[in-house]
Amino acid sequence: MKDILTDRPRIGRLLAVAAALLLGTAAHAGEALSLASRIEAQIAQPRFAGARWGIAVVSLDTGRTLYEHDGDRLYQTASTAKLFTAALALSELGPDYRIPTRLLAHEHVRNGVLDGPLLLYGMGDPTLGADASTADWADRMAQQAAARGIRTVKGGIVADDSYFASPAMGSGWEAADLQSWFAVPSSALSVQENQVDVTVAPGAEGRPAVVTQNPADALPEVANRIATSAHGVRNDINLYRAPGDRTLYAFGHIAARSTAQRFKLAVFDPALLAGEQLRAALMRHGVAVQGGVRALHWPQNSDALRDDARLIAEVQSPPLAEIVQRGLKRSQNLYLQNLLLIAGVRAQAAAMQAASPPTGFLTTENWGLRGLRQLLEQMGLPPGSTVIEEGTGLSRRDLSTPASMTRLLSFLAAQSYAHVLFDALPIAGVDGTLQWRMRDTPANNNLRAKTGSMSLVHCMAGYVTTAGGERLAFAIMLNNYDPPAGAPSASRDIDAIAQMLAGLPAQAPVPEKTGAVAAQPAN
């Protein structure tokens, strides 16, 4: 006979039944038994023997825990960590906050000539050039500069992203990811989401392929060694740029007459690209720029240039609520990392106004994380139950317990901006990262959750309303799992549990214990 102490599924079912009986009704016991037994049957399959499941499900209506499996153990979060960053940004900045990008000048304009430089000063807007409201940002700034009488700029353009006193990558980001579209530099002066589209098209057979990029010059140097092979040969296209290197190496071959291949990569220097785009816009509007464009990055700063500088032009981002929504729906890493850093600038400024300001240096990222820890303390999360070191979930050192994740979701559901966060989450079967998941199930157009996935890590955390009308917060975290051949995808395994929650029937109410003795039937 199998020892009951090693039978995890059976232990889980027995504990669930016991908890339900303590709630007071057989109906609750049946409900808990049904949910617990179904979840345990799902996660106890032999293919999960080397994996780790962590699950917590809490009712927002009653506060009771419907189900928990290793809810107090730490798991890698992947992109569900973005929920913590969103909470910090909404709490500290507010849903209506707009992020400015400014054009400044220290010198006065005389006879249309600005002797010094124009300073393009970024303050963290991740949507610049990528949102409909900021797509024409450079032309708008150029128009404002021309309207102030500027016809010639003698000092060139300084494109400054030193507003963030932090490296351009988040802590724990892997070097191999840094040329990829999902791990672009986090810059206070970002443009077009810091991504470049690289297209490789065949030339004539035996000749070099044609490699182009959009935006132009987003990668300063391209070493093109891709040959055009015979028609019908399998393509072998390789693109590599070392971290910090300005050169993209392209090698391999592409078949003649084949379809052009497109790739998304990280921009080499977003601030420099923004400065070049502004220079081109100024020229379109009749403003000559002498001296070219240079970028200024932390640990450099532009304090001397900004002292007594005048505002020449400004463009503002969409409201923060919209930035959070786009960041969560698409799981856009740049958006959430920049929001963490903006919150860090705000936290540092507040700390420096205190009676005893702190000494020593902290990066802007660490200031943001300091603010996040204070927020988690306000939520009552136990120390060590959440360990977040950047804003996106790209780091494998981002950890949380499922119970902490549901505590976060419960906290957010009670805030004045709850509707902002709720609307920002992907909707099952409808949009975002859940657009193609859980269609034709009780979760469709019902469940709203942040997904998270990277190699061996698969998570989902959010809200769902049961078939019985109860509102739940849940966190489902699967670590150390690589689906074997022929097995469903990990996302399908997580979806199966989420669908169980969505399909839960109405619960029988728990009778109140008044101490009164029930009346006896008449004889």
Protein backbone atom coordinates (compact mmCIF):
# COMPACT_ATOMS: atom_id res chain seq x y z
CA MET A 1 0.00 0.00 0.00
CA LYS A 2 1.24 3.42 -0.91
CA ASP A 3 2.27 5.45 2.13
CA ILE A 4 -0.27 8.27 2.57
CA LEU A 5 2.54 10.60 3.68
CA THR A 6 4.07 10.45 0.19
CA ASP A 7 0.77 10.64 -1.70
CA ARG A 8 0.61 14.38 -2.46
CA PRO A 9 -2.63 14.31 -4.46
CA ARG A 10 -4.44 12.38 -1.74
CA ILE A 11 -3.11 14.65 1.00
CA GLY A 12 -4.30 17.69 -0.96
CA ARG A 13 -7.79 16.27 -1.39
CA LEU A 14 -8.08 15.31 2.27
CA LEU A 15 -6.94 18.74 3.43
CA ALA A 16 -9.36 20.42 1.05
CA VAL A 17 -12.25 18.35 2.39
CA ALA A 18 -11.27 19.09 5.97
CA ALA A 19 -11.06 22.81 5.27
CA ALA A 20 -14.43 22.80 3.59
CA LEU A 21 -16.06 20.92 6.46
CA LEU A 22 -14.73 23.51 8.85
CA LEU A 23 -16.56 26.14 6.80
CA GLY A 24 -19.78 24.59 7.93
CA THR A 25 -21.64 22.82 5.13
CA ALA A 26 -21.47 19.62 3.16
CA ALA A 27 -22.01 21.71 0.03
CA HIS A 28 -18.74 23.50 0.65
CA ALA A 29 -17.04 20.16 1.30
CA GLY A 30 -18.28 18.82 -2.01
CA GLU A 31 -17.21 21.94 -3.85
CA ALA A 32 -13.72 21.89 -2.31
CA LEU A 33 -13.35 18.17 -2.90
CA SER A 34 -14.34 18.57 -6.53
CA LEU A 35 -11.99 21.50 -7.22
CA ALA A 36 -9.08 20.09 -5.22
CA SER A 37 -9.37 16.61 -6.68
CA ARG A 38 -9.52 17.93 -10.23
CA ILE A 39 -6.53 20.25 -9.79
CA GLU A 40 -4.52 17.57 -8.01
CA ALA A 41 -5.28 15.09 -10.76
CA GLN A 42 -3.99 17.63 -13.28
CA ILE A 43 -0.72 18.48 -11.55
CA ALA A 44 0.08 14.95 -10.29
CA GLN A 45 0.57 13.51 -13.77
CA PRO A 46 3.89 11.64 -14.12
CA ARG A 47 5.21 14.12 -16.68
CA PHE A 48 5.34 16.75 -13.92
CA ALA A 49 7.49 14.58 -11.62
CA GLY A 50 10.50 16.89 -11.92
CA ALA A 51 8.51 20.13 -12.07
CA ARG A 52 7.18 22.43 -9.36
CA TRP A 53 3.58 23.65 -9.24
CA GLY A 54 2.50 26.57 -7.08
CA ILE A 55 -1.16 27.59 -7.00
CA ALA A 56 -3.28 29.93 -4.91
CA VAL A 57 -6.95 30.78 -5.44
CA VAL A 58 -8.73 33.38 -3.27
CA SER A 59 -12.28 34.69 -3.31
CA LEU A 60 -12.48 38.46 -3.64
CA ASP A 61 -16.05 38.30 -2.32
CA THR A 62 -15.42 36.40 0.91
CA GLY A 63 -11.65 36.49 1.34
CA ARG A 64 -11.46 32.73 1.81
CA THR A 65 -8.88 30.55 0.12
CA LEU A 66 -10.54 28.09 -2.26
CA TYR A 67 -7.39 26.19 -3.08
CA GLU A 68 -3.67 26.31 -2.43
CA HIS A 69 -0.76 24.12 -3.43
CA ASP A 70 2.69 25.15 -2.16
CA GLY A 71 1.32 28.67 -2.00
CA ASP A 72 4.08 29.90 0.32
CA ARG A 73 7.04 28.66 -1.73
CA LEU A 74 8.99 30.95 -4.05
CA TYR A 75 8.71 30.53 -7.83
CA GLN A 76 10.22 32.29 -10.81
CA THR A 77 7.59 34.71 -12.03
CA ALA A 78 8.51 35.43 -15.64
CA SER A 79 6.31 38.30 -16.88
CA THR A 80 3.74 38.04 -14.09
CA ALA A 81 6.30 40.22 -12.26
CA LYS A 82 4.94 43.08 -14.38
CA LEU A 83 1.92 43.14 -12.04
CA PHE A 84 4.17 44.41 -9.25
CA THR A 85 5.60 47.14 -11.46
CA ALA A 86 2.12 48.16 -12.64
CA ALA A 87 0.96 48.38 -9.02
CA LEU A 88 3.91 50.64 -8.14
CA ALA A 89 3.42 52.91 -11.15
CA LEU A 90 -0.33 53.31 -10.62
CA SER A 91 0.14 53.86 -6.89
CA GLU A 92 3.01 56.36 -7.09
CA LEU A 93 2.35 58.18 -10.37
CA GLY A 94 -1.41 57.82 -10.84
CA PRO A 95 -3.30 56.71 -13.96
CA ASP A 96 -3.51 60.25 -15.42
CA TYR A 97 0.22 61.04 -15.33
CA ARG A 98 1.79 61.94 -18.69
CA ILE A 99 5.52 61.61 -19.32
CA PRO A 100 7.15 64.64 -20.98
CA THR A 101 9.97 64.73 -23.51
CA ARG A 102 11.53 68.18 -23.66
CA LEU A 103 13.65 70.29 -25.97
CA LEU A 104 15.74 72.79 -24.02
CA ALA A 105 18.22 75.55 -24.85
CA HIS A 106 20.66 77.34 -22.57
CA GLU A 107 21.56 80.14 -24.97
CA HIS A 108 19.26 82.90 -26.18
CA VAL A 109 18.22 83.13 -29.81
CA ARG A 110 19.67 86.17 -31.60
CA ASN A 111 18.62 86.98 -35.16
CA GLY A 112 17.35 83.41 -35.53
CA VAL A 113 20.67 81.89 -34.41
CA LEU A 114 21.08 79.67 -31.35
CA ASP A 115 24.81 79.73 -30.51
CA GLY A 116 24.66 76.73 -28.20
CA PRO A 117 23.13 73.27 -28.60
CA LEU A 118 19.56 72.09 -28.41
CA LEU A 119 19.16 69.58 -25.61
CA LEU A 120 16.69 66.77 -26.32
CA TYR A 121 15.90 65.59 -22.81
CA GLY A 122 14.08 62.31 -22.32
CA MET A 123 12.17 61.57 -19.13
CA GLY A 124 11.23 57.97 -19.77
CA ASP A 125 8.34 57.94 -22.25
CA PRO A 126 8.44 54.42 -23.76
CA THR A 127 5.77 55.26 -26.35
CA LEU A 128 7.62 58.09 -28.14
CA GLY A 129 7.22 57.57 -31.87
CA ALA A 130 5.27 54.34 -31.34
CA ASP A 131 1.91 55.72 -30.19
CA ALA A 132 -0.52 57.52 -32.47
CA SER A 133 -0.34 60.57 -30.20
CA THR A 134 3.47 60.77 -30.44
CA ALA A 135 4.15 59.34 -33.91
CA ASP A 136 4.99 62.83 -35.23
CA TRP A 137 6.87 63.91 -32.11
CA ALA A 138 9.96 65.14 -33.98
CA ASP A 139 7.99 67.32 -36.41
CA ARG A 140 5.95 68.78 -33.56
CA MET A 141 9.11 69.70 -31.69
CA ALA A 142 10.64 71.16 -34.84
CA GLN A 143 7.51 73.26 -35.43
CA GLN A 144 7.65 74.60 -31.87
CA ALA A 145 11.35 75.43 -32.26
CA ALA A 146 10.73 77.23 -35.55
CA ALA A 147 7.83 79.13 -33.96
CA ARG A 148 10.30 80.51 -31.39
CA GLY A 149 12.30 82.04 -34.20
CA ILE A 150 15.11 79.50 -34.36
CA ARG A 151 16.58 79.24 -37.86
CA THR A 152 20.09 77.98 -37.16
CA VAL A 153 21.46 75.84 -34.32
CA LYS A 154 25.23 76.24 -34.08
CA GLY A 155 25.87 73.84 -31.20
CA GLY A 156 24.25 70.75 -32.68
CA ILE A 157 21.85 68.49 -30.79
CA VAL A 158 22.60 66.72 -27.51
CA ALA A 159 20.32 63.71 -27.09
CA ASP A 160 20.27 63.10 -23.34
CA ASP A 161 18.93 59.98 -21.60
CA SER A 162 20.72 60.51 -18.26
CA TYR A 163 17.40 61.07 -16.46
CA PHE A 164 17.76 57.38 -15.51
CA ALA A 165 20.93 56.87 -13.47
CA SER A 166 21.01 53.18 -14.31
CA PRO A 167 22.46 50.82 -16.90
CA ALA A 168 20.45 50.37 -20.07
CA MET A 169 19.57 46.78 -19.14
CA GLY A 170 17.67 45.57 -16.10
CA SER A 171 19.41 43.64 -13.35
CA GLY A 172 19.60 39.95 -14.17
CA TRP A 173 18.88 40.31 -17.89
CA GLU A 174 20.79 37.70 -19.85
CA ALA A 175 23.49 38.92 -22.25
CA ALA A 176 22.27 36.64 -25.04
CA ASP A 177 18.90 38.47 -25.01
CA LEU A 178 20.22 42.00 -25.34
CA GLN A 179 20.12 42.20 -29.15
CA SER A 180 16.56 40.83 -29.19
CA TRP A 181 13.34 42.85 -29.60
CA PHE A 182 12.10 41.76 -26.16
CA ALA A 183 15.19 42.98 -24.25
CA VAL A 184 15.80 46.36 -25.87
CA PRO A 185 17.75 49.03 -23.95
CA SER A 186 15.72 50.78 -21.28
CA SER A 187 16.33 54.43 -22.06
CA ALA A 188 14.92 57.68 -20.75
CA LEU A 189 15.01 58.79 -24.38
CA SER A 190 13.40 55.85 -26.15
CA VAL A 191 12.00 55.99 -29.67
CA GLN A 192 9.83 53.57 -31.65
CA GLU A 193 10.07 51.10 -28.78
CA ASN A 194 13.83 50.88 -29.35
CA GLN A 195 13.28 48.26 -32.03
CA VAL A 196 14.63 48.04 -35.56
CA ASP A 197 13.15 45.93 -38.36
CA VAL A 198 15.90 44.20 -40.33
CA THR A 199 14.96 42.80 -43.74
CA VAL A 200 17.10 40.30 -45.64
CA ALA A 201 16.20 39.93 -49.32
CA PRO A 202 17.94 37.80 -51.96
CA GLY A 203 20.05 39.40 -54.66
CA ALA A 204 21.06 37.73 -57.89
CA GLU A 205 22.31 34.19 -57.45
CA GLY A 206 25.91 34.24 -56.28
CA ARG A 207 25.70 37.88 -55.23
CA PRO A 208 25.36 39.33 -51.71
CA ALA A 209 21.89 39.53 -50.18
CA VAL A 210 20.31 42.93 -49.56
CA VAL A 211 20.08 43.89 -45.88
CA THR A 212 18.00 46.95 -44.96
CA GLN A 213 16.78 48.40 -41.68
CA ASN A 214 13.84 50.51 -40.52
CA PRO A 215 14.33 53.01 -38.95
CA ALA A 216 17.33 53.73 -41.14
CA ASP A 217 20.65 53.89 -39.27
CA ALA A 218 19.19 52.36 -36.09
CA LEU A 219 22.17 49.99 -36.32
CA PRO A 220 25.17 52.17 -37.28
CA GLU A 221 27.20 49.43 -38.95
CA VAL A 222 26.12 46.24 -40.76
CA ALA A 223 28.73 43.71 -41.85
CA ASN A 224 26.74 41.89 -44.52
CA ARG A 225 28.16 38.48 -45.38
CA ILE A 226 24.91 36.85 -46.45
CA ALA A 227 25.21 35.29 -49.89
CA THR A 228 22.41 34.57 -52.35
CA SER A 229 22.36 30.81 -52.95
CA ALA A 230 20.65 28.78 -55.67
CA HIS A 231 16.87 28.78 -55.80
CA GLY A 232 15.30 26.14 -53.59
CA VAL A 233 18.20 25.87 -51.12
CA ARG A 234 17.12 26.08 -47.48
CA ASN A 235 17.78 29.54 -46.01
CA ASP A 236 20.40 29.94 -43.30
CA ILE A 237 20.31 33.52 -42.01
CA ASN A 238 22.26 34.50 -38.90
CA LEU A 239 22.28 37.90 -37.21
CA TYR A 240 24.55 38.70 -34.28
CA ARG A 241 25.50 41.85 -32.41
CA ALA A 242 27.50 41.60 -29.21
CA PRO A 243 26.26 43.63 -26.22
CA GLY A 244 27.52 47.19 -26.58
CA ASP A 245 28.83 46.62 -30.11
CA ARG A 246 27.63 49.01 -32.82
CA THR A 247 28.12 46.41 -35.59
CA LEU A 248 25.53 43.86 -36.66
CA TYR A 249 27.13 40.83 -38.27
CA ALA A 250 24.91 39.15 -40.85
CA PHE A 251 26.10 35.87 -42.34
CA GLY A 252 24.82 32.70 -44.02
CA HIS A 253 22.75 32.51 -47.20
CA ILE A 254 19.28 33.10 -48.60
CA ALA A 255 17.88 31.35 -51.68
CA ALA A 256 17.48 33.29 -54.90
CA ARG A 257 13.89 34.38 -55.65
CA SER A 258 12.79 33.49 -52.12
CA THR A 259 10.60 35.74 -49.97
CA ALA A 260 12.38 38.45 -48.00
CA GLN A 261 12.88 37.55 -44.33
CA ARG A 262 12.15 40.06 -41.57
CA PHE A 263 13.57 40.23 -38.07
CA LYS A 264 13.08 42.54 -35.06
CA LEU A 265 16.21 43.52 -33.15
CA ALA A 266 17.22 46.01 -30.47
CA VAL A 267 18.36 49.48 -31.50
CA PHE A 268 22.02 50.19 -30.75
CA ASP A 269 21.56 53.64 -29.16
CA PRO A 270 17.94 54.88 -28.81
CA ALA A 271 18.95 58.38 -27.69
CA LEU A 272 21.25 58.87 -30.67
CA LEU A 273 18.52 57.63 -33.02
CA ALA A 274 16.02 60.07 -31.48
CA GLY A 275 18.49 62.90 -31.90
CA GLU A 276 19.01 62.08 -35.57
CA GLN A 277 15.25 61.96 -36.14
CA LEU A 278 14.88 65.39 -34.53
CA ARG A 279 17.72 66.80 -36.66
CA ALA A 280 15.99 65.58 -39.83
CA ALA A 281 12.69 67.11 -38.68
CA LEU A 282 14.32 70.47 -37.92
CA MET A 283 15.78 70.53 -41.41
CA ARG A 284 12.33 69.79 -42.86
CA HIS A 285 11.01 72.83 -41.03
CA GLY A 286 13.73 75.18 -42.17
CA VAL A 287 16.05 74.97 -39.16
CA ALA A 288 19.71 74.33 -40.02
CA VAL A 289 21.67 72.25 -37.51
CA GLN A 290 25.45 72.72 -37.36
CA GLY A 291 27.57 70.44 -35.23
CA GLY A 292 25.73 67.17 -35.69
CA VAL A 293 24.18 64.97 -33.00
CA ARG A 294 25.77 63.44 -29.94
CA ALA A 295 24.24 61.25 -27.27
CA LEU A 296 24.75 61.72 -23.56
CA HIS A 297 24.31 58.72 -21.23
CA TRP A 298 24.61 58.07 -17.52
CA PRO A 299 27.01 58.32 -15.71
CA GLN A 300 27.42 61.50 -17.76
CA ASN A 301 24.84 64.19 -17.01
CA SER A 302 23.56 67.39 -18.52
CA ASP A 303 23.27 69.44 -15.34
CA ALA A 304 25.36 72.31 -16.76
CA LEU A 305 23.28 72.40 -19.93
CA ARG A 306 19.98 72.30 -18.05
CA ASP A 307 20.84 74.99 -15.49
CA ASP A 308 18.71 78.01 -16.37
CA ALA A 309 17.73 76.36 -19.65
CA ARG A 310 14.54 77.47 -21.36
CA LEU A 311 11.83 75.15 -22.59
CA ILE A 312 11.74 75.27 -26.39
CA ALA A 313 9.33 72.40 -27.08
CA GLU A 314 7.58 69.54 -25.33
CA VAL A 315 5.69 66.39 -26.28
CA GLN A 316 3.74 64.37 -23.72
CA SER A 317 2.96 60.68 -23.60
CA PRO A 318 -0.51 59.18 -23.43
CA PRO A 319 -1.87 58.86 -19.87
CA LEU A 320 -0.07 56.31 -17.73
CA ALA A 321 -3.23 54.17 -17.65
CA GLU A 322 -2.86 53.63 -21.41
CA ILE A 323 0.86 52.86 -21.09
CA VAL A 324 0.15 50.25 -18.42
CA GLN A 325 -2.56 48.72 -20.58
CA ARG A 326 -0.32 48.43 -23.63
CA GLY A 327 2.52 47.13 -21.50
CA LEU A 328 0.42 44.38 -19.90
CA LYS A 329 -1.66 43.40 -22.92
CA ARG A 330 1.43 42.86 -25.07
CA SER A 331 3.81 42.02 -22.21
CA GLN A 332 6.00 44.87 -23.44
CA ASN A 333 9.20 44.81 -21.38
CA LEU A 334 10.41 48.32 -22.27
CA TYR A 335 7.19 49.88 -21.01
CA LEU A 336 7.30 48.26 -17.58
CA GLN A 337 11.04 48.70 -17.03
CA ASN A 338 10.76 52.39 -17.87
CA LEU A 339 7.81 52.76 -15.49
CA LEU A 340 9.86 51.20 -12.69
CA LEU A 341 12.66 53.68 -13.38
CA ILE A 342 10.29 56.66 -13.52
CA ALA A 343 8.91 55.59 -10.13
CA GLY A 344 12.53 55.34 -8.97
CA VAL A 345 13.23 58.95 -9.96
CA ARG A 346 10.12 59.98 -8.03
CA ALA A 347 11.14 57.91 -4.96
CA GLN A 348 14.65 59.39 -4.94
CA ALA A 349 13.33 62.95 -5.19
CA ALA A 350 10.98 62.35 -2.25
CA ALA A 351 13.75 60.79 -0.15
CA MET A 352 16.05 63.74 -0.77
CA GLN A 353 13.39 66.10 0.59
CA ALA A 354 13.24 64.23 3.90
CA ALA A 355 14.71 65.70 7.10
CA SER A 356 17.57 63.20 6.95
CA PRO A 357 18.17 62.40 3.28
CA PRO A 358 20.02 59.18 2.53
CA THR A 359 23.68 59.21 1.58
CA GLY A 360 25.51 57.10 -0.94
CA PHE A 361 24.55 56.14 -4.47
CA LEU A 362 21.65 53.97 -5.59
CA THR A 363 20.76 53.36 -9.21
CA THR A 364 17.38 54.61 -10.36
CA GLU A 365 16.34 50.97 -10.67
CA ASN A 366 17.19 50.35 -7.01
CA TRP A 367 15.26 53.45 -6.00
CA GLY A 368 12.26 52.02 -7.83
CA LEU A 369 12.67 48.66 -6.11
CA ARG A 370 12.94 50.44 -2.77
CA GLY A 371 9.58 52.06 -3.47
CA LEU A 372 8.16 48.68 -4.46
CA ARG A 373 9.30 47.10 -1.20
CA GLN A 374 7.58 49.86 0.75
CA LEU A 375 4.38 49.23 -1.19
CA LEU A 376 4.57 45.49 -0.49
CA GLU A 377 5.00 46.23 3.20
CA GLN A 378 1.82 48.33 3.08
CA MET A 379 0.04 45.32 1.57
CA GLY A 380 1.19 43.20 4.50
CA LEU A 381 3.24 40.77 2.43
CA PRO A 382 5.65 38.73 4.56
CA PRO A 383 9.34 39.63 4.14
CA GLY A 384 10.99 37.39 1.59
CA SER A 385 7.71 36.29 0.01
CA THR A 386 8.45 38.44 -3.05
CA VAL A 387 11.91 39.14 -4.43
CA ILE A 388 11.80 41.43 -7.47
CA GLU A 389 15.01 42.93 -8.92
CA GLU A 390 13.80 44.64 -12.10
CA GLY A 391 10.51 45.65 -13.71
CA THR A 392 9.72 43.07 -16.37
CA GLY A 393 10.22 39.48 -15.22
CA LEU A 394 13.14 38.92 -17.61
CA SER A 395 15.42 38.15 -14.67
CA ARG A 396 15.39 34.62 -13.32
CA ARG A 397 16.01 36.11 -9.89
CA ASP A 398 12.49 37.59 -9.84
CA LEU A 399 10.63 35.39 -7.36
CA SER A 400 7.24 35.38 -5.67
CA THR A 401 4.98 32.98 -3.86
CA PRO A 402 1.54 32.28 -5.33
CA ALA A 403 0.01 33.51 -2.07
CA SER A 404 1.83 36.84 -2.39
CA MET A 405 0.66 37.16 -5.96
CA THR A 406 -3.00 36.71 -4.95
CA ARG A 407 -2.48 39.15 -2.06
CA LEU A 408 -1.23 41.69 -4.61
CA LEU A 409 -4.24 41.07 -6.85
CA SER A 410 -6.62 41.41 -3.90
CA PHE A 411 -4.97 44.69 -2.92
CA LEU A 412 -5.23 46.05 -6.46
CA ALA A 413 -8.89 45.09 -6.68
CA ALA A 414 -9.61 47.38 -3.71
CA GLN A 415 -7.85 50.50 -5.04
CA SER A 416 -9.42 53.51 -6.73
CA TYR A 417 -7.54 52.59 -9.92
CA ALA A 418 -8.72 48.95 -9.85
CA HIS A 419 -10.62 49.41 -13.11
CA VAL A 420 -7.45 50.61 -14.82
CA LEU A 421 -5.54 47.47 -13.90
CA PHE A 422 -8.55 45.26 -14.68
CA ASP A 423 -8.93 46.77 -18.14
CA ALA A 424 -5.18 46.49 -18.77
CA LEU A 425 -5.02 42.71 -18.37
CA PRO A 426 -5.28 40.40 -21.38
CA ILE A 427 -8.74 38.84 -21.76
CA ALA A 428 -9.03 35.12 -22.47
CA GLY A 429 -9.99 34.47 -26.08
CA VAL A 430 -10.17 38.19 -26.86
CA ASP A 431 -6.90 40.13 -26.82
CA GLY A 432 -3.30 40.48 -25.75
CA THR A 433 -1.29 37.41 -24.87
CA LEU A 434 -4.52 35.50 -24.17
CA GLN A 435 -6.16 36.22 -27.52
CA TRP A 436 -5.96 32.63 -28.76
CA ARG A 437 -6.29 30.85 -25.43
CA MET A 438 -9.34 29.34 -23.69
CA ARG A 439 -11.78 30.13 -26.47
CA ASP A 440 -15.10 28.26 -26.28
CA THR A 441 -14.64 27.69 -22.55
CA PRO A 442 -16.17 29.33 -19.45
CA ALA A 443 -13.03 31.49 -19.27
CA ASN A 444 -13.62 33.09 -22.68
CA ASN A 445 -14.21 36.85 -22.38
CA ASN A 446 -14.25 36.36 -18.62
CA LEU A 447 -10.80 35.57 -17.28
CA ARG A 448 -8.33 38.50 -17.21
CA ALA A 449 -4.75 37.68 -16.38
CA LYS A 450 -1.08 38.43 -16.90
CA THR A 451 0.81 35.61 -18.52
CA GLY A 452 4.47 34.84 -18.02
CA SER A 453 6.71 32.42 -19.83
CA MET A 454 10.37 31.79 -20.47
CA SER A 455 12.38 28.63 -20.83
CA LEU A 456 11.16 26.17 -18.14
CA VAL A 457 8.90 28.81 -16.53
CA HIS A 458 5.15 29.11 -17.18
CA CYS A 459 2.80 31.30 -15.13
CA MET A 460 -0.53 33.08 -15.14
CA ALA A 461 -2.06 35.37 -12.50
CA GLY A 462 -5.24 37.42 -12.55
CA TYR A 463 -8.99 37.40 -12.06
CA VAL A 464 -11.89 35.22 -13.10
CA THR A 465 -15.59 35.09 -12.27
CA THR A 466 -16.95 31.61 -11.66
CA ALA A 467 -20.07 30.22 -13.27
CA GLY A 468 -21.71 30.81 -9.91
CA GLY A 469 -20.82 34.52 -9.97
CA GLU A 470 -17.97 34.53 -7.43
CA ARG A 471 -14.99 36.76 -8.19
CA LEU A 472 -11.63 35.06 -7.73
CA ALA A 473 -7.99 36.11 -7.75
CA PHE A 474 -5.58 33.35 -8.71
CA ALA A 475 -1.92 32.60 -9.37
CA ILE A 476 -0.79 29.48 -11.22
CA MET A 477 2.97 28.99 -11.41
CA LEU A 478 4.80 26.09 -13.06
CA ASN A 479 8.59 26.00 -12.84
CA ASN A 480 11.27 23.60 -14.04
CA TYR A 481 9.07 22.10 -16.72
CA ASP A 482 9.88 21.30 -20.33
CA PRO A 483 6.93 19.46 -21.94
CA PRO A 484 7.97 16.01 -23.21
CA ALA A 485 7.34 15.01 -26.80
CA GLY A 486 3.66 14.51 -27.50
CA ALA A 487 2.51 16.31 -24.34
CA PRO A 488 0.27 19.39 -24.38
CA SER A 489 1.98 22.75 -24.17
CA ALA A 490 2.54 24.15 -20.68
CA SER A 491 0.10 26.96 -21.43
CA ARG A 492 -2.63 24.37 -22.08
CA ASP A 493 -1.90 22.74 -18.72
CA ILE A 494 -2.24 26.10 -16.96
CA ASP A 495 -5.36 26.93 -18.97
CA ALA A 496 -6.94 23.64 -17.87
CA ILE A 497 -6.75 24.77 -14.24
CA ALA A 498 -8.02 28.26 -15.05
CA GLN A 499 -11.00 26.74 -16.84
CA MET A 500 -11.82 24.71 -13.75
CA LEU A 501 -12.04 27.96 -11.79
CA ALA A 502 -14.20 29.64 -14.41
CA GLY A 503 -16.60 26.69 -14.41
CA LEU A 504 -17.16 26.50 -10.65
CA PRO A 505 -20.88 26.45 -9.81
CA ALA A 506 -22.62 28.65 -7.27
CA GLN A 507 -21.84 27.86 -3.65
CA ALA A 508 -24.30 27.15 -0.90
CA PRO A 509 -24.20 29.90 1.73
CA VAL A 510 -22.59 29.15 5.09
CA PRO A 511 -25.23 29.37 7.85
CA GLU A 512 -24.49 31.87 10.57
CA LYS A 513 -23.77 30.41 14.01
CA THR A 514 -26.08 32.30 16.41
CA GLY A 515 -26.07 29.83 19.28
CA ALA A 516 -29.89 29.42 19.04
CA VAL A 517 -31.42 25.95 19.22
CA ALA A 518 -33.41 24.93 16.17
CA ALA A 519 -37.17 24.63 16.78
CA GLN A 520 -38.52 21.08 17.05
CA PRO A 521 -41.27 20.00 14.68
CA ALA A 522 -44.76 19.90 16.21
CA ASN A 523 -46.16 16.53 17.18
